[in-house]
Structure formats: structure tokens, C-alpha cells
Amino acid sequence: MRVLCIGDVVGSPGRRAVASLLPGLVAERAIDLVVANGENAAGGNGLTHETARDLFAAGVHVLTGGNHTWRFKEVVQLLERDARVLRPANFPEGAPGAGFAVRTAASGAKVGVINLQGRIYMDPLPSPFVVVDELIERVQAETKVILIDFHAEATSEKRALGWHVDGRASALFGTHTHVPTADEEILPGGTAYITDLGMTGPYDSVIGMKKELVLKRFRTMRPTSFAVAKRDVRLCGAIFEIDEQTGHARSVERLRLPLE
């Protein structure tokens, strides 16, 4: 089976890229399941009912989250009512929604999706290394095909978690930094790995925001409101081919597709 995982969708340009490019990509590459990180989909920061609806309508099957998950209050209702929307599983106990889901792909196979958030240079959450062990065991009761979106800042933490789950997950892909990395590979145990999928959004920017506003912040060190950029829009992610019987990855292909 083939699964497509899409990096952080940023604002309306990112949603437009998904809507325009995803249907053709799914048909041409025989994609069985699509996962996208949607925590920046609404105005570059957060997720709303409307933006989630747009992404699902475009062909996304599961939306993952991260440190901007709670930007809008309505996301609580969204998480509680829609099992296709995830937030990091290692948020403190009592957080609304779920951090993992098991969905049925177009091939008929079940696929587990786990969402985690890192701790280095981020909020001091419970350890993703402990939580992932518990969740893999739970998901393995239903399927051997397991995808992990690790929303983290530090390359070292992402790489370490990749080694930690090698042989127990089909793929671990990083999100959050908005910069695609060129280190895709299949680890010795059969887990496909890439440090960051990159951003689906405008690259004539500073990680999706208008560069002149970000430069003003760096130059003056004063608070500055940011806004989503508009030009050089790309869809970034990776296609993972996975053996449904073993759960091991057969291949991983990094994608960077221009909108125009």
C-alpha cells in the first residue's frame, strides 16, 4: 500500500495547494491513505472547522496537530467530535480528543496514525518515548501498519525517536520546522524515516510568514504581527510504500511539488 504524508499546511496558500494538487496525485500514484499536519491551516496558526472541512474535501483522511493545536477554542469541539482530527498524544491527561486513530485505507487495510510532540525547545510535555511505547502496543492489536507524526523542533530528538521505534512502526516523519530535509531512508528494522516533511505553503517567506514582517522582528527585537505569505506555493511531503503483512516500509519518496 502507499500512504502520502503532507507537511504542515500553512494558511490559505497551503490549503489551495492541497485542493489543487492532491486529487491528481492520489490518482496518479495510487495513494491509499493521506495524512496531513493541519495545525497551521487556519491563518498560519491553528485549525478550525472550516479549514478542516476544506482539507477533508480535498482528499485528506487524517489531520494531525502540534503546538498550535489550541489556537482556536472551536478545535476542542472538533477534536471531541471528529476522530479524523488528532492532537499530540503526549499532551497532559484530560486534554480533549485523541492522539491516535486507526483508519481503513483505500486498499482495505487498517492503518494506525500516532501524533506526538517533542520537548526540546518546546513545552515540557510527558515523554514521547514513553507514550509511543504504550500506543504502539495498542495499535498493533489492530494493525501492523503504523505511521507516526512527530511534531518536534530538534533534529536530534526526531532522529532518536526514529531509532526508538525502528522495527515497530512503518514510518516516522517529522513536522513543525517547515523545512524539508533530504535524509529520507529506511532504517535497519524496516521503519521509513525523514526528519521533516517540510511545509505545504508559500516558500517566498520565512517558514510561511511574510519575510518583511519577520525581518522587522529580527532587526528591531520588537513585537510584530505576522501574516501568511502568498508566493512560491508548494506541496511538500513524502510517499511511503508499506508491506501490509509485515508493516515494514519498502520505499520512501520525498515530494516537493509547485502549485504553478
C-alpha atoms as a PDB file:
ATOM      1  CA  MET A   1       0.000   0.000   0.000  1.00  0.00           C
ATOM      2  CA  ARG A   2       1.011   3.628  -0.475  1.00  0.00           C
ATOM      3  CA  VAL A   3       0.418   6.418   2.023  1.00  0.00           C
ATOM      4  CA  LEU A   4       1.044  10.102   1.440  1.00  0.00           C
ATOM      5  CA  CYS A   5       2.034  12.264   4.396  1.00  0.00           C
ATOM      6  CA  ILE A   6       1.872  16.028   3.876  1.00  0.00           C
ATOM      7  CA  GLY A   7       3.922  18.543   5.850  1.00  0.00           C
ATOM      8  CA  ASP A   8       2.443  21.460   7.807  1.00  0.00           C
ATOM      9  CA  VAL A   9      -0.318  23.066   5.734  1.00  0.00           C
ATOM     10  CA  VAL A  10       0.097  26.826   6.174  1.00  0.00           C
ATOM     11  CA  GLY A  11      -2.884  29.145   5.699  1.00  0.00           C
ATOM     12  CA  SER A  12      -4.979  29.566   2.573  1.00  0.00           C
ATOM     13  CA  PRO A  13      -1.989  29.088   0.202  1.00  0.00           C
ATOM     14  CA  GLY A  14      -1.290  25.689   1.743  1.00  0.00           C
ATOM     15  CA  ARG A  15      -4.947  24.674   1.614  1.00  0.00           C
ATOM     16  CA  ARG A  16      -5.101  25.791  -2.020  1.00  0.00           C
ATOM     17  CA  ALA A  17      -2.064  23.634  -2.860  1.00  0.00           C
ATOM     18  CA  VAL A  18      -3.688  20.606  -1.247  1.00  0.00           C
ATOM     19  CA  ALA A  19      -7.009  21.192  -3.029  1.00  0.00           C
ATOM     20  CA  SER A  20      -5.316  21.669  -6.411  1.00  0.00           C
ATOM     21  CA  LEU A  21      -2.620  19.007  -6.317  1.00  0.00           C
ATOM     22  CA  LEU A  22      -3.844  16.226  -4.042  1.00  0.00           C
ATOM     23  CA  PRO A  23      -6.633  14.683  -6.169  1.00  0.00           C
ATOM     24  CA  GLY A  24      -4.355  14.209  -9.168  1.00  0.00           C
ATOM     25  CA  LEU A  25      -1.520  12.932  -7.000  1.00  0.00           C
ATOM     26  CA  VAL A  26      -3.767  10.342  -5.359  1.00  0.00           C
ATOM     27  CA  ALA A  27      -4.982   9.099  -8.737  1.00  0.00           C
ATOM     28  CA  GLU A  28      -1.587   9.073 -10.451  1.00  0.00           C
ATOM     29  CA  ARG A  29       0.325   7.432  -7.614  1.00  0.00           C
ATOM     30  CA  ALA A  30      -2.429   5.104  -6.374  1.00  0.00           C
ATOM     31  CA  ILE A  31      -2.376   6.559  -2.874  1.00  0.00           C
ATOM     32  CA  ASP A  32      -4.378   4.546  -0.321  1.00  0.00           C
ATOM     33  CA  LEU A  33      -4.340   6.982   2.607  1.00  0.00           C
ATOM     34  CA  VAL A  34      -3.464  10.660   3.099  1.00  0.00           C
ATOM     35  CA  VAL A  35      -2.268  12.203   6.369  1.00  0.00           C
ATOM     36  CA  ALA A  36      -1.627  15.947   6.692  1.00  0.00           C
ATOM     37  CA  ASN A  37      -0.448  18.125   9.543  1.00  0.00           C
ATOM     38  CA  GLY A  38      -3.122  20.812   9.882  1.00  0.00           C
ATOM     39  CA  GLU A  39      -2.060  22.801  12.927  1.00  0.00           C
ATOM     40  CA  ASN A  40      -1.184  25.861  10.793  1.00  0.00           C
ATOM     41  CA  ALA A  41      -4.053  25.580   8.324  1.00  0.00           C
ATOM     42  CA  ALA A  42      -6.136  28.487   9.678  1.00  0.00           C
ATOM     43  CA  GLY A  43      -4.332  31.745   9.001  1.00  0.00           C
ATOM     44  CA  GLY A  44      -0.958  30.151   9.605  1.00  0.00           C
ATOM     45  CA  ASN A  45      -1.697  29.274  13.212  1.00  0.00           C
ATOM     46  CA  GLY A  46      -4.343  26.794  14.369  1.00  0.00           C
ATOM     47  CA  LEU A  47      -7.166  24.697  12.921  1.00  0.00           C
ATOM     48  CA  THR A  48     -10.880  25.489  12.572  1.00  0.00           C
ATOM     49  CA  HIS A  49     -13.997  23.590  11.486  1.00  0.00           C
ATOM     50  CA  GLU A  50     -13.880  25.333   8.110  1.00  0.00           C
ATOM     51  CA  THR A  51     -10.215  24.664   7.372  1.00  0.00           C
ATOM     52  CA  ALA A  52     -10.522  21.029   8.466  1.00  0.00           C
ATOM     53  CA  ARG A  53     -13.553  20.642   6.197  1.00  0.00           C
ATOM     54  CA  ASP A  54     -11.598  22.074   3.257  1.00  0.00           C
ATOM     55  CA  LEU A  55      -8.732  19.628   3.751  1.00  0.00           C
ATOM     56  CA  PHE A  56     -11.017  16.617   4.125  1.00  0.00           C
ATOM     57  CA  ALA A  57     -12.913  17.663   0.993  1.00  0.00           C
ATOM     58  CA  ALA A  58      -9.605  17.774  -0.894  1.00  0.00           C
ATOM     59  CA  GLY A  59      -8.889  14.146  -0.002  1.00  0.00           C
ATOM     60  CA  VAL A  60      -7.064  14.164   3.339  1.00  0.00           C
ATOM     61  CA  HIS A  61      -8.087  11.257   5.584  1.00  0.00           C
ATOM     62  CA  VAL A  62      -6.374  12.167   8.881  1.00  0.00           C
ATOM     63  CA  LEU A  63      -5.283  15.562  10.249  1.00  0.00           C
ATOM     64  CA  THR A  64      -2.534  15.724  12.862  1.00  0.00           C
ATOM     65  CA  GLY A  65      -1.676  18.621  15.167  1.00  0.00           C
ATOM     66  CA  GLY A  66       1.086  20.154  17.233  1.00  0.00           C
ATOM     67  CA  ASN A  67       1.963  23.078  19.468  1.00  0.00           C
ATOM     68  CA  HIS A  68      -0.573  25.410  17.777  1.00  0.00           C
ATOM     69  CA  THR A  69      -3.437  22.967  18.201  1.00  0.00           C
ATOM     70  CA  TRP A  70      -5.231  25.096  20.828  1.00  0.00           C
ATOM     71  CA  ARG A  71      -5.071  28.409  18.942  1.00  0.00           C
ATOM     72  CA  PHE A  72      -8.862  28.482  18.381  1.00  0.00           C
ATOM     73  CA  LYS A  73     -11.409  27.417  21.001  1.00  0.00           C
ATOM     74  CA  GLU A  74     -13.530  25.624  18.441  1.00  0.00           C
ATOM     75  CA  VAL A  75     -10.820  22.992  17.976  1.00  0.00           C
ATOM     76  CA  VAL A  76     -11.943  21.416  21.266  1.00  0.00           C
ATOM     77  CA  GLN A  77     -15.327  20.571  19.754  1.00  0.00           C
ATOM     78  CA  LEU A  78     -13.631  19.436  16.561  1.00  0.00           C
ATOM     79  CA  LEU A  79     -11.327  17.067  18.446  1.00  0.00           C
ATOM     80  CA  GLU A  80     -14.154  15.657  20.509  1.00  0.00           C
ATOM     81  CA  ARG A  81     -16.495  15.053  17.570  1.00  0.00           C
ATOM     82  CA  ASP A  82     -14.250  14.058  14.674  1.00  0.00           C
ATOM     83  CA  ALA A  83     -11.977  11.049  15.092  1.00  0.00           C
ATOM     84  CA  ARG A  84     -10.096  12.066  11.948  1.00  0.00           C
ATOM     85  CA  VAL A  85      -8.593  15.059  13.774  1.00  0.00           C
ATOM     86  CA  LEU A  86      -5.718  14.299  16.149  1.00  0.00           C
ATOM     87  CA  ARG A  87      -3.650  16.248  18.656  1.00  0.00           C
ATOM     88  CA  PRO A  88      -0.317  15.101  20.130  1.00  0.00           C
ATOM     89  CA  ALA A  89      -0.885  12.009  22.238  1.00  0.00           C
ATOM     90  CA  ASN A  90       1.554  13.150  24.916  1.00  0.00           C
ATOM     91  CA  PHE A  91      -0.457  16.237  25.856  1.00  0.00           C
ATOM     92  CA  PRO A  92      -1.297  16.063  29.593  1.00  0.00           C
ATOM     93  CA  GLU A  93      -4.038  13.737  30.775  1.00  0.00           C
ATOM     94  CA  GLY A  94      -7.501  15.214  30.319  1.00  0.00           C
ATOM     95  CA  ALA A  95      -6.767  17.014  27.053  1.00  0.00           C
ATOM     96  CA  PRO A  96      -9.714  16.852  24.632  1.00  0.00           C
ATOM     97  CA  GLY A  97      -9.597  14.476  21.711  1.00  0.00           C
ATOM     98  CA  ALA A  98      -7.238  11.649  20.876  1.00  0.00           C
ATOM     99  CA  GLY A  99      -3.603  11.337  19.892  1.00  0.00           C
ATOM    100  CA  PHE A 100      -4.002   8.316  17.657  1.00  0.00           C
ATOM    101  CA  ALA A 101      -6.504   6.734  15.304  1.00  0.00           C
ATOM    102  CA  VAL A 102      -6.912   3.575  13.256  1.00  0.00           C
ATOM    103  CA  ARG A 103      -8.426   4.180   9.818  1.00  0.00           C
ATOM    104  CA  THR A 104      -9.251   1.927   6.880  1.00  0.00           C
ATOM    105  CA  ALA A 105      -7.272   2.772   3.743  1.00  0.00           C
ATOM    106  CA  ALA A 106      -8.499   2.503   0.154  1.00  0.00           C
ATOM    107  CA  SER A 107      -6.705  -0.849  -0.095  1.00  0.00           C
ATOM    108  CA  GLY A 108      -8.928  -2.176   2.702  1.00  0.00           C
ATOM    109  CA  ALA A 109      -6.047  -2.417   5.158  1.00  0.00           C
ATOM    110  CA  LYS A 110      -6.150  -0.732   8.539  1.00  0.00           C
ATOM    111  CA  VAL A 111      -3.608   1.994   9.250  1.00  0.00           C
ATOM    112  CA  GLY A 112      -2.701   3.368  12.659  1.00  0.00           C
ATOM    113  CA  VAL A 113      -1.718   7.030  12.890  1.00  0.00           C
ATOM    114  CA  ILE A 114       0.024   8.327  16.019  1.00  0.00           C
ATOM    115  CA  ASN A 115       0.638  12.041  16.699  1.00  0.00           C
ATOM    116  CA  LEU A 116       3.367  13.105  19.157  1.00  0.00           C
ATOM    117  CA  GLN A 117       5.079  16.353  20.136  1.00  0.00           C
ATOM    118  CA  GLY A 118       8.707  16.871  21.088  1.00  0.00           C
ATOM    119  CA  ARG A 119      10.022  18.501  24.263  1.00  0.00           C
ATOM    120  CA  ILE A 120      13.372  20.062  23.301  1.00  0.00           C
ATOM    121  CA  TYR A 121      12.853  23.849  22.869  1.00  0.00           C
ATOM    122  CA  MET A 122       9.123  23.217  23.243  1.00  0.00           C
ATOM    123  CA  ASP A 123       6.635  22.768  26.075  1.00  0.00           C
ATOM    124  CA  PRO A 124       7.647  20.335  28.870  1.00  0.00           C
ATOM    125  CA  LEU A 125       5.170  17.603  27.953  1.00  0.00           C
ATOM    126  CA  PRO A 126       5.209  13.971  29.099  1.00  0.00           C
ATOM    127  CA  SER A 127       7.900  11.962  27.335  1.00  0.00           C
ATOM    128  CA  PRO A 128       7.019  10.959  23.773  1.00  0.00           C
ATOM    129  CA  PHE A 129       9.385   7.994  24.173  1.00  0.00           C
ATOM    130  CA  VAL A 130       7.222   6.555  26.952  1.00  0.00           C
ATOM    131  CA  VAL A 131       3.875   7.409  25.368  1.00  0.00           C
ATOM    132  CA  VAL A 132       4.794   5.958  21.970  1.00  0.00           C
ATOM    133  CA  ASP A 133       5.591   2.581  23.522  1.00  0.00           C
ATOM    134  CA  GLU A 134       2.113   2.399  25.045  1.00  0.00           C
ATOM    135  CA  LEU A 135       0.390   3.492  21.832  1.00  0.00           C
ATOM    136  CA  ILE A 136       2.298   1.169  19.513  1.00  0.00           C
ATOM    137  CA  GLU A 137       1.248  -1.766  21.666  1.00  0.00           C
ATOM    138  CA  ARG A 138      -2.393  -0.649  21.494  1.00  0.00           C
ATOM    139  CA  VAL A 139      -2.382  -0.042  17.757  1.00  0.00           C
ATOM    140  CA  GLN A 140      -0.577  -3.306  16.991  1.00  0.00           C
ATOM    141  CA  ALA A 141      -3.626  -5.129  18.320  1.00  0.00           C
ATOM    142  CA  GLU A 142      -5.435  -3.886  15.192  1.00  0.00           C
ATOM    143  CA  THR A 143      -2.769  -3.413  12.524  1.00  0.00           C
ATOM    144  CA  LYS A 144       0.941  -3.656  11.771  1.00  0.00           C
ATOM    145  CA  VAL A 145       0.853  -0.546   9.601  1.00  0.00           C
ATOM    146  CA  ILE A 146       1.679   2.376  11.911  1.00  0.00           C
ATOM    147  CA  LEU A 147       2.519   5.962  10.939  1.00  0.00           C
ATOM    148  CA  ILE A 148       3.962   8.464  13.420  1.00  0.00           C
ATOM    149  CA  ASP A 149       3.883  12.252  13.001  1.00  0.00           C
ATOM    150  CA  PHE A 150       6.494  13.602  15.417  1.00  0.00           C
ATOM    151  CA  HIS A 151       5.938  17.351  15.700  1.00  0.00           C
ATOM    152  CA  ALA A 152       9.252  18.499  17.126  1.00  0.00           C
ATOM    153  CA  GLU A 153      11.891  21.220  16.943  1.00  0.00           C
ATOM    154  CA  ALA A 154      15.157  19.370  17.492  1.00  0.00           C
ATOM    155  CA  THR A 155      16.610  17.135  14.798  1.00  0.00           C
ATOM    156  CA  SER A 156      18.305  15.061  17.480  1.00  0.00           C
ATOM    157  CA  GLU A 157      15.022  14.300  19.233  1.00  0.00           C
ATOM    158  CA  LYS A 158      13.353  13.310  15.973  1.00  0.00           C
ATOM    159  CA  ARG A 159      16.240  11.096  14.966  1.00  0.00           C
ATOM    160  CA  ALA A 160      16.337   9.466  18.384  1.00  0.00           C
ATOM    161  CA  LEU A 161      12.622   8.637  18.302  1.00  0.00           C
ATOM    162  CA  GLY A 162      13.093   7.163  14.839  1.00  0.00           C
ATOM    163  CA  TRP A 163      15.672   4.750  16.185  1.00  0.00           C
ATOM    164  CA  HIS A 164      13.489   4.093  19.222  1.00  0.00           C
ATOM    165  CA  VAL A 165      10.563   2.847  17.120  1.00  0.00           C
ATOM    166  CA  ASP A 166      12.583   1.171  14.355  1.00  0.00           C
ATOM    167  CA  GLY A 167      11.007  -2.162  13.525  1.00  0.00           C
ATOM    168  CA  ARG A 168       7.807  -1.316  15.401  1.00  0.00           C
ATOM    169  CA  ALA A 169       6.424   1.457  13.175  1.00  0.00           C
ATOM    170  CA  SER A 170       6.073   1.598   9.408  1.00  0.00           C
ATOM    171  CA  ALA A 171       7.150   5.235   9.152  1.00  0.00           C
ATOM    172  CA  LEU A 172       8.132   8.130  11.374  1.00  0.00           C
ATOM    173  CA  PHE A 173       8.093  11.574   9.798  1.00  0.00           C
ATOM    174  CA  GLY A 174       8.902  14.876  11.435  1.00  0.00           C
ATOM    175  CA  THR A 175       6.840  18.052  11.162  1.00  0.00           C
ATOM    176  CA  HIS A 176       6.992  21.564  12.694  1.00  0.00           C
ATOM    177  CA  THR A 177      10.177  23.157  11.327  1.00  0.00           C
ATOM    178  CA  HIS A 178       8.626  23.919   7.901  1.00  0.00           C
ATOM    179  CA  VAL A 179      11.907  22.996   6.189  1.00  0.00           C
ATOM    180  CA  PRO A 180      12.065  19.749   4.154  1.00  0.00           C
ATOM    181  CA  THR A 181      15.059  17.558   4.936  1.00  0.00           C
ATOM    182  CA  ALA A 182      16.925  15.351   2.466  1.00  0.00           C
ATOM    183  CA  ASP A 183      17.540  12.415   4.815  1.00  0.00           C
ATOM    184  CA  GLU A 184      14.731  10.045   3.880  1.00  0.00           C
ATOM    185  CA  GLU A 185      15.709   6.408   4.401  1.00  0.00           C
ATOM    186  CA  ILE A 186      14.555   3.035   5.635  1.00  0.00           C
ATOM    187  CA  LEU A 187      16.138   2.147   8.964  1.00  0.00           C
ATOM    188  CA  PRO A 188      17.544  -1.377   9.532  1.00  0.00           C
ATOM    189  CA  GLY A 189      14.401  -2.646  11.259  1.00  0.00           C
ATOM    190  CA  GLY A 190      12.118  -1.593   8.403  1.00  0.00           C
ATOM    191  CA  THR A 191      10.869   1.819   9.568  1.00  0.00           C
ATOM    192  CA  ALA A 192      10.908   4.612   6.986  1.00  0.00           C
ATOM    193  CA  TYR A 193      12.260   7.859   8.406  1.00  0.00           C
ATOM    194  CA  ILE A 194      12.548  11.534   7.427  1.00  0.00           C
ATOM    195  CA  THR A 195      13.426  14.333   9.858  1.00  0.00           C
ATOM    196  CA  ASP A 196      10.927  16.844   8.436  1.00  0.00           C
ATOM    197  CA  LEU A 197       8.412  16.731   5.593  1.00  0.00           C
ATOM    198  CA  GLY A 198       8.635  20.468   5.107  1.00  0.00           C
ATOM    199  CA  MET A 199       5.852  22.996   4.720  1.00  0.00           C
ATOM    200  CA  THR A 200       2.916  22.948   2.337  1.00  0.00           C
ATOM    201  CA  GLY A 201       2.561  26.647   1.712  1.00  0.00           C
ATOM    202  CA  PRO A 202       4.419  29.738   0.434  1.00  0.00           C
ATOM    203  CA  TYR A 203       8.207  29.435   0.225  1.00  0.00           C
ATOM    204  CA  ASP A 204       8.825  33.090  -0.701  1.00  0.00           C
ATOM    205  CA  SER A 205       8.683  33.667   3.040  1.00  0.00           C
ATOM    206  CA  VAL A 206      10.249  32.857   6.378  1.00  0.00           C
ATOM    207  CA  ILE A 207       8.689  29.484   7.207  1.00  0.00           C
ATOM    208  CA  GLY A 208       5.400  30.614   5.688  1.00  0.00           C
ATOM    209  CA  MET A 209       5.173  34.168   7.030  1.00  0.00           C
ATOM    210  CA  LYS A 210       5.758  37.382   5.040  1.00  0.00           C
ATOM    211  CA  LYS A 211       9.507  37.855   5.144  1.00  0.00           C
ATOM    212  CA  GLU A 212       9.447  41.644   5.593  1.00  0.00           C
ATOM    213  CA  LEU A 213       7.472  41.265   8.833  1.00  0.00           C
ATOM    214  CA  VAL A 214       9.790  38.595  10.183  1.00  0.00           C
ATOM    215  CA  LEU A 215      12.834  40.655   9.236  1.00  0.00           C
ATOM    216  CA  LYS A 216      11.394  43.633  11.102  1.00  0.00           C
ATOM    217  CA  ARG A 217      11.063  41.469  14.213  1.00  0.00           C
ATOM    218  CA  PHE A 218      14.662  40.253  13.970  1.00  0.00           C
ATOM    219  CA  ARG A 219      16.057  43.694  13.217  1.00  0.00           C
ATOM    220  CA  THR A 220      14.203  45.608  15.913  1.00  0.00           C
ATOM    221  CA  MET A 221      13.539  42.880  18.507  1.00  0.00           C
ATOM    222  CA  ARG A 222      10.088  44.395  18.968  1.00  0.00           C
ATOM    223  CA  PRO A 223       6.753  42.534  18.915  1.00  0.00           C
ATOM    224  CA  THR A 224       5.473  42.253  15.349  1.00  0.00           C
ATOM    225  CA  SER A 225       2.293  40.742  13.983  1.00  0.00           C
ATOM    226  CA  PHE A 226       2.975  38.149  11.297  1.00  0.00           C
ATOM    227  CA  ALA A 227       0.880  37.353   8.213  1.00  0.00           C
ATOM    228  CA  VAL A 228       0.927  34.397   5.829  1.00  0.00           C
ATOM    229  CA  ALA A 229       2.922  34.965   2.634  1.00  0.00           C
ATOM    230  CA  LYS A 230       1.457  34.205  -0.797  1.00  0.00           C
ATOM    231  CA  ARG A 231       4.111  33.406  -3.412  1.00  0.00           C
ATOM    232  CA  ASP A 232       6.025  30.275  -4.493  1.00  0.00           C
ATOM    233  CA  VAL A 233       3.477  27.853  -3.072  1.00  0.00           C
ATOM    234  CA  ARG A 234       4.489  24.192  -2.871  1.00  0.00           C
ATOM    235  CA  LEU A 235       3.111  20.925  -1.551  1.00  0.00           C
ATOM    236  CA  CYS A 236       5.755  19.057   0.429  1.00  0.00           C
ATOM    237  CA  GLY A 237       5.597  15.607   1.936  1.00  0.00           C
ATOM    238  CA  ALA A 238       6.559  12.000   1.312  1.00  0.00           C
ATOM    239  CA  ILE A 239       5.063   8.840  -0.135  1.00  0.00           C
ATOM    240  CA  PHE A 240       5.682   5.678   1.854  1.00  0.00           C
ATOM    241  CA  GLU A 241       5.185   2.246   0.301  1.00  0.00           C
ATOM    242  CA  ILE A 242       4.438  -0.267   3.034  1.00  0.00           C
ATOM    243  CA  ASP A 243       4.070  -4.045   3.169  1.00  0.00           C
ATOM    244  CA  GLU A 244       0.643  -4.591   4.744  1.00  0.00           C
ATOM    245  CA  GLN A 245       1.588  -8.019   6.044  1.00  0.00           C
ATOM    246  CA  THR A 246       4.775  -7.087   7.899  1.00  0.00           C
ATOM    247  CA  GLY A 247       4.172  -3.379   8.448  1.00  0.00           C
ATOM    248  CA  HIS A 248       7.679  -2.665   7.143  1.00  0.00           C
ATOM    249  CA  ALA A 249       8.385   0.096   4.664  1.00  0.00           C
ATOM    250  CA  ARG A 250       9.526  -0.827   1.171  1.00  0.00           C
ATOM    251  CA  SER A 251      10.340   2.677  -0.015  1.00  0.00           C
ATOM    252  CA  VAL A 252      10.089   6.365   0.860  1.00  0.00           C
ATOM    253  CA  GLU A 253       9.960   9.171  -1.697  1.00  0.00           C
ATOM    254  CA  ARG A 254      10.260  12.827  -0.755  1.00  0.00           C
ATOM    255  CA  LEU A 255       7.918  15.227  -2.607  1.00  0.00           C
ATOM    256  CA  ARG A 256       8.151  18.935  -3.393  1.00  0.00           C
ATOM    257  CA  LEU A 257       5.513  19.961  -5.909  1.00  0.00           C
ATOM    258  CA  PRO A 258       4.970  23.573  -7.063  1.00  0.00           C
ATOM    259  CA  LEU A 259       1.409  24.794  -7.247  1.00  0.00           C
ATOM    260  CA  GLU A 260       2.019  26.578 -10.550  1.00  0.00           C
END
